[in-house]
Amino acid sequence: MPPAPEASAAGRGTAARTPAPRRFNRKRRRMYALGGILLLVAVAVALVLGAFRDNLLFFYSPSDIQAKQVEPGTRLRVGGLVEAGSVIRGPGTNVAFTVSDGAKTLVIHYDGLLPDLFREGQGIVAEGRLEPDGTVTAEQVLAKHDETYMPPEVVDAMKRAGTWHGEGTPEGSHQKLLKTGSGDPS
């Protein structure tokens, strides 16, 4: 008499083993690997965005700094016109000057060589940090490069303040330069 099916399966020990646990383990390993990869990608994206944010410089006019209550220690770019009579030269290469957007003013301290085109009444952009006393300690000062060019950020800030009296936009001066093909945009 042949053994009962339950007895033969139990006798061989095959009823307890099925391919399902092996597939489940393979699936589980795949899920862990996918989860690990996603975690690494998320960490990489967070690091890149953090580095990008730390190196991002926002442009502000003196009016923007006061209106938006920018935090001291913030790295920024500030621009405007150097006010007449505001340039004070200290020992060595130290200099302090005031920039204005026509509505508000801001004192900028700089220790370094100023660009050759830097002078009172000209547009500049300074990159640096806002100090707790409301001044800016600049790491770099950029001056406009000819008598018709003004940085677009400065023009926009002056237009918002209602003090822009120039013709058109700074892009207009670039268009003249492109049309004439010479170094003189007039």
N, C-alpha and C. Protein backbone atom coordinates (compact mmCIF):
# COMPACT_ATOMS: atom_id res chain seq x y z
N MET A 1 0.82 -1.16 0.00
CA MET A 1 0.00 0.00 0.00
C MET A 1 0.88 1.24 0.00
N PRO A 2 0.58 2.15 -0.89
CA PRO A 2 1.42 3.36 -0.95
C PRO A 2 1.13 4.29 0.23
N PRO A 3 2.13 5.02 0.65
CA PRO A 3 1.92 5.93 1.78
C PRO A 3 0.97 7.06 1.39
N ALA A 4 0.30 7.59 2.40
CA ALA A 4 -0.63 8.71 2.19
C ALA A 4 0.16 9.93 1.71
N PRO A 5 -0.48 10.78 0.90
CA PRO A 5 0.24 11.95 0.38
C PRO A 5 0.78 12.84 1.49
N GLU A 6 0.03 13.00 2.59
CA GLU A 6 0.52 13.86 3.67
C GLU A 6 1.76 13.25 4.30
N ALA A 7 1.78 11.95 4.43
CA ALA A 7 2.90 11.28 5.06
C ALA A 7 4.13 11.37 4.18
N SER A 8 3.96 11.22 2.86
CA SER A 8 5.14 11.27 2.00
C SER A 8 5.73 12.67 1.97
N ALA A 9 4.88 13.68 1.95
CA ALA A 9 5.38 15.05 1.94
C ALA A 9 6.04 15.38 3.26
N ALA A 10 5.45 14.94 4.34
CA ALA A 10 6.04 15.21 5.65
C ALA A 10 7.30 14.41 5.82
N GLY A 11 7.33 13.21 5.26
CA GLY A 11 8.50 12.38 5.39
C GLY A 11 9.69 12.94 4.66
N ARG A 12 9.47 13.60 3.54
CA ARG A 12 10.58 14.18 2.78
C ARG A 12 10.95 15.58 3.26
N GLY A 13 10.06 16.21 3.97
CA GLY A 13 10.34 17.56 4.49
C GLY A 13 10.22 18.65 3.44
N THR A 14 9.50 18.40 2.36
CA THR A 14 9.38 19.40 1.30
C THR A 14 8.17 20.31 1.48
N ALA A 15 7.23 19.95 2.31
CA ALA A 15 6.04 20.78 2.49
C ALA A 15 6.41 22.09 3.16
N ALA A 16 7.41 22.11 4.01
CA ALA A 16 7.80 23.33 4.72
C ALA A 16 8.59 24.27 3.82
N ARG A 17 9.27 23.73 2.80
CA ARG A 17 10.09 24.57 1.91
C ARG A 17 9.33 24.84 0.62
N THR A 18 9.25 26.10 0.30
CA THR A 18 8.66 26.49 -0.97
C THR A 18 9.51 27.60 -1.55
N PRO A 19 9.42 27.86 -2.82
CA PRO A 19 10.22 28.92 -3.43
C PRO A 19 9.81 30.33 -2.97
N ALA A 20 8.64 30.51 -2.36
CA ALA A 20 8.16 31.83 -1.95
C ALA A 20 9.12 32.56 -1.01
N PRO A 21 9.67 31.93 0.02
CA PRO A 21 10.58 32.69 0.88
C PRO A 21 11.81 33.20 0.13
N ARG A 22 12.32 32.44 -0.83
CA ARG A 22 13.48 32.89 -1.58
C ARG A 22 13.13 34.14 -2.39
N ARG A 23 11.98 34.15 -3.04
CA ARG A 23 11.54 35.32 -3.80
C ARG A 23 11.34 36.51 -2.87
N PHE A 24 10.79 36.27 -1.71
CA PHE A 24 10.55 37.35 -0.76
C PHE A 24 11.88 37.96 -0.33
N ASN A 25 12.89 37.15 -0.08
CA ASN A 25 14.20 37.67 0.31
C ASN A 25 14.82 38.47 -0.83
N ARG A 26 14.69 38.00 -2.06
CA ARG A 26 15.23 38.72 -3.20
C ARG A 26 14.51 40.07 -3.36
N LYS A 27 13.19 40.05 -3.18
CA LYS A 27 12.40 41.28 -3.26
C LYS A 27 12.80 42.24 -2.14
N ARG A 28 12.97 41.71 -0.96
CA ARG A 28 13.34 42.54 0.19
C ARG A 28 14.72 43.18 -0.04
N ARG A 29 15.68 42.40 -0.54
CA ARG A 29 17.01 42.95 -0.82
C ARG A 29 16.93 44.05 -1.87
N ARG A 30 16.12 43.84 -2.89
CA ARG A 30 15.94 44.85 -3.93
C ARG A 30 15.35 46.13 -3.34
N MET A 31 14.39 46.00 -2.46
CA MET A 31 13.76 47.18 -1.82
C MET A 31 14.77 47.92 -0.94
N TYR A 32 15.58 47.17 -0.19
CA TYR A 32 16.61 47.81 0.64
C TYR A 32 17.63 48.55 -0.24
N ALA A 33 18.02 47.94 -1.33
CA ALA A 33 18.98 48.58 -2.24
C ALA A 33 18.37 49.85 -2.84
N LEU A 34 17.13 49.78 -3.28
CA LEU A 34 16.45 50.95 -3.83
C LEU A 34 16.31 52.05 -2.78
N GLY A 35 15.95 51.67 -1.57
CA GLY A 35 15.84 52.64 -0.48
C GLY A 35 17.17 53.30 -0.17
N GLY A 36 18.24 52.52 -0.18
CA GLY A 36 19.58 53.07 0.05
C GLY A 36 20.00 54.05 -1.03
N ILE A 37 19.71 53.69 -2.27
CA ILE A 37 20.04 54.58 -3.39
C ILE A 37 19.25 55.88 -3.27
N LEU A 38 17.96 55.78 -2.97
CA LEU A 38 17.15 57.00 -2.82
C LEU A 38 17.66 57.86 -1.68
N LEU A 39 18.08 57.25 -0.59
CA LEU A 39 18.62 58.00 0.54
C LEU A 39 19.91 58.72 0.14
N LEU A 40 20.78 58.06 -0.59
CA LEU A 40 22.02 58.69 -1.05
C LEU A 40 21.73 59.85 -2.00
N VAL A 41 20.77 59.68 -2.89
CA VAL A 41 20.40 60.76 -3.81
C VAL A 41 19.84 61.95 -3.03
N ALA A 42 19.01 61.70 -2.04
CA ALA A 42 18.44 62.78 -1.23
C ALA A 42 19.53 63.53 -0.48
N VAL A 43 20.49 62.82 0.08
CA VAL A 43 21.59 63.47 0.79
C VAL A 43 22.43 64.30 -0.18
N ALA A 44 22.70 63.78 -1.36
CA ALA A 44 23.48 64.52 -2.35
C ALA A 44 22.76 65.79 -2.78
N VAL A 45 21.47 65.70 -3.02
CA VAL A 45 20.69 66.89 -3.41
C VAL A 45 20.70 67.92 -2.29
N ALA A 46 20.54 67.48 -1.05
CA ALA A 46 20.56 68.41 0.09
C ALA A 46 21.91 69.11 0.20
N LEU A 47 23.00 68.38 -0.01
CA LEU A 47 24.33 69.00 0.06
C LEU A 47 24.54 70.01 -1.07
N VAL A 48 24.10 69.67 -2.27
CA VAL A 48 24.25 70.59 -3.40
C VAL A 48 23.42 71.85 -3.17
N LEU A 49 22.19 71.70 -2.74
CA LEU A 49 21.35 72.88 -2.50
C LEU A 49 21.90 73.72 -1.36
N GLY A 50 22.43 73.09 -0.33
CA GLY A 50 23.04 73.83 0.77
C GLY A 50 24.24 74.63 0.31
N ALA A 51 25.09 74.03 -0.51
CA ALA A 51 26.26 74.74 -1.04
C ALA A 51 25.82 75.87 -1.96
N PHE A 52 24.81 75.63 -2.76
CA PHE A 52 24.30 76.66 -3.67
C PHE A 52 23.76 77.84 -2.88
N ARG A 53 23.01 77.57 -1.83
CA ARG A 53 22.42 78.63 -1.02
C ARG A 53 23.50 79.45 -0.32
N ASP A 54 24.57 78.79 0.14
CA ASP A 54 25.65 79.50 0.81
C ASP A 54 26.41 80.41 -0.14
N ASN A 55 26.45 80.09 -1.41
CA ASN A 55 27.21 80.87 -2.38
C ASN A 55 26.35 81.83 -3.19
N LEU A 56 25.08 81.87 -2.93
CA LEU A 56 24.17 82.73 -3.66
C LEU A 56 24.22 84.14 -3.09
N LEU A 57 24.42 85.14 -3.94
CA LEU A 57 24.45 86.53 -3.50
C LEU A 57 23.24 87.25 -4.09
N PHE A 58 22.42 87.81 -3.23
CA PHE A 58 21.27 88.57 -3.68
C PHE A 58 21.66 90.03 -3.82
N PHE A 59 21.09 90.70 -4.82
CA PHE A 59 21.34 92.13 -5.02
C PHE A 59 20.29 92.92 -4.25
N TYR A 60 20.76 93.94 -3.54
CA TYR A 60 19.87 94.84 -2.80
C TYR A 60 20.27 96.27 -3.08
N SER A 61 19.30 97.15 -3.07
CA SER A 61 19.57 98.58 -3.07
C SER A 61 19.54 99.01 -1.60
N PRO A 62 20.02 100.20 -1.27
CA PRO A 62 19.92 100.65 0.12
C PRO A 62 18.48 100.62 0.65
N SER A 63 17.52 100.96 -0.20
CA SER A 63 16.11 100.93 0.22
C SER A 63 15.66 99.50 0.52
N ASP A 64 16.08 98.54 -0.31
CA ASP A 64 15.72 97.14 -0.11
C ASP A 64 16.25 96.61 1.22
N ILE A 65 17.47 96.97 1.56
CA ILE A 65 18.08 96.48 2.81
C ILE A 65 17.26 96.94 4.01
N GLN A 66 16.83 98.18 3.99
CA GLN A 66 16.04 98.69 5.11
C GLN A 66 14.61 98.16 5.09
N ALA A 67 14.02 98.04 3.91
CA ALA A 67 12.63 97.58 3.82
C ALA A 67 12.50 96.09 4.13
N LYS A 68 13.45 95.29 3.68
CA LYS A 68 13.35 93.84 3.86
C LYS A 68 13.98 93.37 5.16
N GLN A 69 14.56 94.27 5.91
CA GLN A 69 15.19 93.95 7.19
C GLN A 69 16.12 92.74 7.04
N VAL A 70 17.13 92.91 6.21
CA VAL A 70 18.11 91.86 5.95
C VAL A 70 18.90 91.59 7.23
N GLU A 71 19.13 90.31 7.52
CA GLU A 71 19.84 89.91 8.73
C GLU A 71 21.32 90.29 8.67
N PRO A 72 21.89 90.79 9.77
CA PRO A 72 23.33 91.05 9.80
C PRO A 72 24.10 89.75 9.55
N GLY A 73 25.22 89.88 8.85
CA GLY A 73 26.04 88.72 8.51
C GLY A 73 25.69 88.13 7.15
N THR A 74 24.60 88.59 6.55
CA THR A 74 24.17 88.09 5.25
C THR A 74 25.12 88.56 4.16
N ARG A 75 25.56 87.62 3.31
CA ARG A 75 26.36 87.99 2.14
C ARG A 75 25.41 88.55 1.09
N LEU A 76 25.81 89.68 0.48
CA LEU A 76 24.94 90.32 -0.49
C LEU A 76 25.73 91.17 -1.46
N ARG A 77 25.01 91.63 -2.46
CA ARG A 77 25.53 92.63 -3.40
C ARG A 77 24.65 93.85 -3.22
N VAL A 78 25.27 95.00 -3.08
CA VAL A 78 24.52 96.24 -2.93
C VAL A 78 25.03 97.23 -3.96
N GLY A 79 24.11 97.97 -4.54
CA GLY A 79 24.52 98.90 -5.58
C GLY A 79 23.80 100.22 -5.48
N GLY A 80 24.38 101.20 -6.10
CA GLY A 80 23.82 102.53 -6.14
C GLY A 80 24.86 103.49 -6.66
N LEU A 81 24.57 104.77 -6.52
CA LEU A 81 25.51 105.81 -6.93
C LEU A 81 26.32 106.25 -5.72
N VAL A 82 27.63 106.44 -5.92
CA VAL A 82 28.49 106.94 -4.85
C VAL A 82 28.13 108.40 -4.63
N GLU A 83 27.74 108.75 -3.41
CA GLU A 83 27.33 110.12 -3.12
C GLU A 83 28.53 111.07 -3.15
N ALA A 84 28.30 112.27 -3.66
CA ALA A 84 29.34 113.29 -3.72
C ALA A 84 29.77 113.67 -2.30
N GLY A 85 31.07 113.76 -2.08
CA GLY A 85 31.62 114.15 -0.79
C GLY A 85 31.59 113.06 0.26
N SER A 86 31.26 111.84 -0.11
CA SER A 86 31.13 110.78 0.89
C SER A 86 32.35 109.87 1.00
N VAL A 87 33.30 109.99 0.08
CA VAL A 87 34.45 109.09 0.08
C VAL A 87 35.46 109.55 1.14
N ILE A 88 35.73 108.66 2.10
CA ILE A 88 36.69 108.95 3.17
C ILE A 88 37.78 107.90 3.10
N ARG A 89 39.00 108.35 2.84
CA ARG A 89 40.12 107.42 2.75
C ARG A 89 40.82 107.33 4.10
N GLY A 90 41.05 106.10 4.54
CA GLY A 90 41.73 105.85 5.80
C GLY A 90 43.17 105.47 5.55
N PRO A 91 43.81 104.91 6.58
CA PRO A 91 45.20 104.48 6.40
C PRO A 91 45.31 103.31 5.42
N GLY A 92 46.36 103.32 4.64
CA GLY A 92 46.56 102.23 3.67
C GLY A 92 45.51 102.26 2.58
N THR A 93 44.86 101.14 2.40
CA THR A 93 43.85 101.03 1.34
C THR A 93 42.43 101.07 1.89
N ASN A 94 42.27 101.45 3.16
CA ASN A 94 40.93 101.53 3.75
C ASN A 94 40.17 102.71 3.17
N VAL A 95 38.92 102.48 2.83
CA VAL A 95 38.07 103.55 2.32
C VAL A 95 36.64 103.28 2.77
N ALA A 96 35.93 104.36 3.04
CA ALA A 96 34.50 104.27 3.36
C ALA A 96 33.79 105.26 2.44
N PHE A 97 32.62 104.87 1.98
CA PHE A 97 31.84 105.75 1.11
C PHE A 97 30.37 105.42 1.27
N THR A 98 29.54 106.31 0.80
CA THR A 98 28.10 106.14 0.90
C THR A 98 27.53 105.95 -0.50
N VAL A 99 26.65 104.95 -0.63
CA VAL A 99 25.94 104.77 -1.89
C VAL A 99 24.47 105.10 -1.66
N SER A 100 23.83 105.54 -2.72
CA SER A 100 22.43 105.93 -2.63
C SER A 100 21.67 105.41 -3.84
N ASP A 101 20.41 105.07 -3.61
CA ASP A 101 19.53 104.73 -4.73
C ASP A 101 18.57 105.87 -4.99
N GLY A 102 18.82 107.00 -4.37
CA GLY A 102 17.98 108.18 -4.53
C GLY A 102 17.00 108.34 -3.40
N ALA A 103 16.66 107.26 -2.72
CA ALA A 103 15.72 107.32 -1.60
C ALA A 103 16.43 107.09 -0.27
N LYS A 104 17.28 106.10 -0.21
CA LYS A 104 18.01 105.75 1.01
C LYS A 104 19.50 105.69 0.71
N THR A 105 20.30 105.76 1.77
CA THR A 105 21.75 105.67 1.62
C THR A 105 22.28 104.53 2.48
N LEU A 106 23.50 104.11 2.18
CA LEU A 106 24.14 103.02 2.91
C LEU A 106 25.65 103.24 2.89
N VAL A 107 26.28 103.10 4.06
CA VAL A 107 27.73 103.26 4.16
C VAL A 107 28.40 101.92 3.86
N ILE A 108 29.43 101.97 3.04
CA ILE A 108 30.19 100.78 2.67
C ILE A 108 31.65 100.99 3.07
N HIS A 109 32.22 100.00 3.75
CA HIS A 109 33.64 100.00 4.12
C HIS A 109 34.35 99.00 3.23
N TYR A 110 35.52 99.40 2.73
CA TYR A 110 36.26 98.52 1.84
C TYR A 110 37.75 98.66 2.13
N ASP A 111 38.45 97.55 2.18
CA ASP A 111 39.90 97.57 2.36
C ASP A 111 40.52 96.89 1.15
N GLY A 112 40.98 97.69 0.23
CA GLY A 112 41.56 97.17 -1.00
C GLY A 112 41.68 98.27 -2.03
N LEU A 113 42.18 97.92 -3.18
CA LEU A 113 42.32 98.90 -4.25
C LEU A 113 40.99 99.05 -4.97
N LEU A 114 40.56 100.29 -5.08
CA LEU A 114 39.30 100.56 -5.79
C LEU A 114 39.55 100.53 -7.29
N PRO A 115 38.53 100.20 -8.06
CA PRO A 115 38.68 100.21 -9.53
C PRO A 115 39.04 101.61 -10.02
N ASP A 116 39.73 101.69 -11.14
CA ASP A 116 40.13 102.98 -11.70
C ASP A 116 38.92 103.87 -12.00
N LEU A 117 37.81 103.28 -12.36
CA LEU A 117 36.62 104.06 -12.72
C LEU A 117 35.77 104.47 -11.52
N PHE A 118 36.20 104.10 -10.31
CA PHE A 118 35.45 104.46 -9.11
C PHE A 118 35.60 105.96 -8.86
N ARG A 119 34.48 106.65 -8.72
CA ARG A 119 34.48 108.08 -8.34
C ARG A 119 33.08 108.46 -7.90
N GLU A 120 32.99 109.62 -7.28
CA GLU A 120 31.71 110.10 -6.78
C GLU A 120 30.76 110.34 -7.95
N GLY A 121 29.49 110.00 -7.72
CA GLY A 121 28.48 110.18 -8.74
C GLY A 121 28.36 109.02 -9.71
N GLN A 122 29.21 108.02 -9.60
CA GLN A 122 29.19 106.88 -10.50
C GLN A 122 28.49 105.69 -9.85
N GLY A 123 27.96 104.82 -10.67
CA GLY A 123 27.30 103.62 -10.18
C GLY A 123 28.32 102.54 -9.82
N ILE A 124 28.09 101.87 -8.70
CA ILE A 124 28.96 100.77 -8.28
C ILE A 124 28.10 99.63 -7.76
N VAL A 125 28.72 98.46 -7.70
CA VAL A 125 28.13 97.30 -7.03
C VAL A 125 29.20 96.78 -6.09
N ALA A 126 28.85 96.62 -4.81
CA ALA A 126 29.79 96.11 -3.82
C ALA A 126 29.29 94.76 -3.32
N GLU A 127 30.20 93.80 -3.22
CA GLU A 127 29.86 92.48 -2.68
C GLU A 127 30.50 92.37 -1.31
N GLY A 128 29.71 91.96 -0.33
CA GLY A 128 30.24 91.82 1.02
C GLY A 128 29.20 91.33 2.00
N ARG A 129 29.38 91.72 3.27
CA ARG A 129 28.49 91.28 4.35
C ARG A 129 27.86 92.49 5.03
N LEU A 130 26.60 92.32 5.41
CA LEU A 130 25.91 93.35 6.16
C LEU A 130 26.33 93.24 7.62
N GLU A 131 26.76 94.35 8.20
CA GLU A 131 27.21 94.38 9.59
C GLU A 131 26.03 94.70 10.51
N PRO A 132 26.16 94.39 11.81
CA PRO A 132 25.07 94.69 12.75
C PRO A 132 24.72 96.18 12.84
N ASP A 133 25.70 97.06 12.56
CA ASP A 133 25.42 98.50 12.62
C ASP A 133 24.76 99.03 11.36
N GLY A 134 24.44 98.15 10.39
CA GLY A 134 23.74 98.57 9.18
C GLY A 134 24.65 98.97 8.04
N THR A 135 25.96 98.88 8.22
CA THR A 135 26.89 99.17 7.14
C THR A 135 27.25 97.87 6.43
N VAL A 136 27.93 97.99 5.31
CA VAL A 136 28.38 96.81 4.57
C VAL A 136 29.90 96.81 4.54
N THR A 137 30.50 95.68 4.87
CA THR A 137 31.94 95.50 4.71
C THR A 137 32.13 94.75 3.40
N ALA A 138 32.66 95.47 2.42
CA ALA A 138 32.77 94.92 1.07
C ALA A 138 34.05 94.11 0.90
N GLU A 139 33.94 93.03 0.15
CA GLU A 139 35.09 92.22 -0.23
C GLU A 139 35.52 92.55 -1.65
N GLN A 140 34.60 93.12 -2.42
CA GLN A 140 34.89 93.49 -3.80
C GLN A 140 34.00 94.67 -4.17
N VAL A 141 34.57 95.61 -4.93
CA VAL A 141 33.82 96.76 -5.43
C VAL A 141 33.97 96.77 -6.95
N LEU A 142 32.85 96.81 -7.64
CA LEU A 142 32.84 96.85 -9.10
C LEU A 142 32.30 98.20 -9.54
N ALA A 143 33.00 98.85 -10.46
CA ALA A 143 32.56 100.14 -10.97
C ALA A 143 32.07 99.98 -12.40
N LYS A 144 31.22 100.90 -12.83
CA LYS A 144 30.74 100.82 -14.20
C LYS A 144 31.88 101.07 -15.17
N HIS A 145 31.76 100.56 -16.39
CA HIS A 145 32.90 100.58 -17.30
C HIS A 145 32.92 101.70 -18.32
N ASP A 146 31.86 102.45 -18.51
CA ASP A 146 31.92 103.63 -19.36
C ASP A 146 30.85 104.62 -18.91
N GLU A 147 30.78 105.75 -19.59
CA GLU A 147 29.88 106.80 -19.12
C GLU A 147 28.41 106.51 -19.37
N THR A 148 28.08 105.52 -20.20
CA THR A 148 26.67 105.24 -20.47
C THR A 148 26.17 103.98 -19.80
N TYR A 149 27.07 103.14 -19.31
CA TYR A 149 26.64 101.87 -18.73
C TYR A 149 26.39 102.03 -17.24
N MET A 150 25.32 101.42 -16.78
CA MET A 150 25.06 101.31 -15.35
C MET A 150 24.57 99.89 -15.12
N PRO A 151 25.02 99.23 -14.05
CA PRO A 151 24.56 97.86 -13.81
C PRO A 151 23.04 97.80 -13.80
N PRO A 152 22.45 96.80 -14.46
CA PRO A 152 20.99 96.71 -14.54
C PRO A 152 20.32 96.69 -13.17
N GLU A 153 20.98 96.07 -12.18
CA GLU A 153 20.40 96.03 -10.84
C GLU A 153 20.28 97.43 -10.25
N VAL A 154 21.30 98.28 -10.50
CA VAL A 154 21.27 99.65 -9.98
C VAL A 154 20.17 100.44 -10.67
N VAL A 155 20.04 100.29 -11.99
CA VAL A 155 18.99 100.99 -12.72
C VAL A 155 17.62 100.57 -12.21
N ASP A 156 17.41 99.27 -12.04
CA ASP A 156 16.12 98.78 -11.53
C ASP A 156 15.82 99.34 -10.15
N ALA A 157 16.82 99.37 -9.28
CA ALA A 157 16.62 99.90 -7.93
C ALA A 157 16.28 101.39 -7.98
N MET A 158 16.96 102.12 -8.86
CA MET A 158 16.67 103.55 -8.98
C MET A 158 15.29 103.78 -9.58
N LYS A 159 14.88 102.93 -10.51
CA LYS A 159 13.54 103.07 -11.09
C LYS A 159 12.47 102.82 -10.02
N ARG A 160 12.69 101.79 -9.18
CA ARG A 160 11.73 101.51 -8.10
C ARG A 160 11.65 102.67 -7.12
N ALA A 161 12.79 103.34 -6.90
CA ALA A 161 12.81 104.46 -5.97
C ALA A 161 12.31 105.74 -6.64
N GLY A 162 12.12 105.70 -7.96
CA GLY A 162 11.61 106.87 -8.68
C GLY A 162 12.68 107.91 -8.95
N THR A 163 13.95 107.52 -8.94
CA THR A 163 15.03 108.49 -9.13
C THR A 163 15.83 108.26 -10.40
N TRP A 164 15.39 107.36 -11.28
CA TRP A 164 16.11 107.10 -12.52
C TRP A 164 15.75 108.18 -13.52
N HIS A 165 16.77 108.91 -14.02
CA HIS A 165 16.55 109.98 -14.99
C HIS A 165 17.27 109.71 -16.29
N GLY A 166 17.79 108.51 -16.45
CA GLY A 166 18.52 108.16 -17.67
C GLY A 166 17.55 107.86 -18.79
N GLU A 167 18.11 107.67 -19.96
CA GLU A 167 17.30 107.35 -21.12
C GLU A 167 17.13 105.85 -21.22
N GLY A 168 15.92 105.39 -21.34
CA GLY A 168 15.65 103.98 -21.59
C GLY A 168 16.15 103.07 -20.50
N THR A 169 16.73 101.98 -20.93
CA THR A 169 17.23 100.97 -19.99
C THR A 169 18.69 100.72 -20.28
N PRO A 170 19.37 100.07 -19.35
CA PRO A 170 20.77 99.76 -19.63
C PRO A 170 20.92 98.86 -20.85
N GLU A 171 19.89 98.07 -21.15
CA GLU A 171 19.97 97.23 -22.33
C GLU A 171 20.06 98.08 -23.58
N GLY A 172 19.44 99.27 -23.56
CA GLY A 172 19.49 100.17 -24.70
C GLY A 172 20.91 100.56 -25.04
N SER A 173 21.74 100.82 -24.03
CA SER A 173 23.12 101.19 -24.31
C SER A 173 23.88 100.01 -24.91
N HIS A 174 23.55 98.80 -24.49
CA HIS A 174 24.19 97.63 -25.07
C HIS A 174 23.76 97.47 -26.53
N GLN A 175 22.49 97.76 -26.82
CA GLN A 175 22.00 97.63 -28.19
C GLN A 175 22.73 98.62 -29.11
N LYS A 176 22.97 99.85 -28.61
CA LYS A 176 23.71 100.83 -29.41
C LYS A 176 25.11 100.31 -29.72
N LEU A 177 25.74 99.71 -28.71
CA LEU A 177 27.09 99.18 -28.88
C LEU A 177 27.09 98.08 -29.93
N LEU A 178 26.09 97.21 -29.89
CA LEU A 178 26.03 96.12 -30.85
C LEU A 178 25.76 96.63 -32.26
N LYS A 179 24.93 97.68 -32.40
CA LYS A 179 24.59 98.19 -33.72
C LYS A 179 25.77 98.91 -34.36
N THR A 180 26.50 99.71 -33.55
CA THR A 180 27.60 100.48 -34.13
C THR A 180 28.84 99.64 -34.33
N GLY A 181 28.99 98.59 -33.49
CA GLY A 181 30.16 97.72 -33.62
C GLY A 181 31.43 98.35 -33.09
N SER A 182 31.32 99.51 -32.48
CA SER A 182 32.51 100.17 -31.94
C SER A 182 32.47 100.13 -30.42
N GLY A 183 33.53 100.56 -29.81
CA GLY A 183 33.60 100.62 -28.35
C GLY A 183 32.83 101.80 -27.80
N ASP A 184 32.37 102.72 -28.68
CA ASP A 184 31.64 103.90 -28.23
C ASP A 184 30.16 103.68 -28.51
N PRO A 185 29.34 103.49 -27.46
CA PRO A 185 27.93 103.19 -27.68
C PRO A 185 27.11 104.39 -28.11
N SER A 186 27.69 105.59 -28.25
CA SER A 186 26.88 106.75 -28.61
C SER A 186 26.79 106.98 -30.09
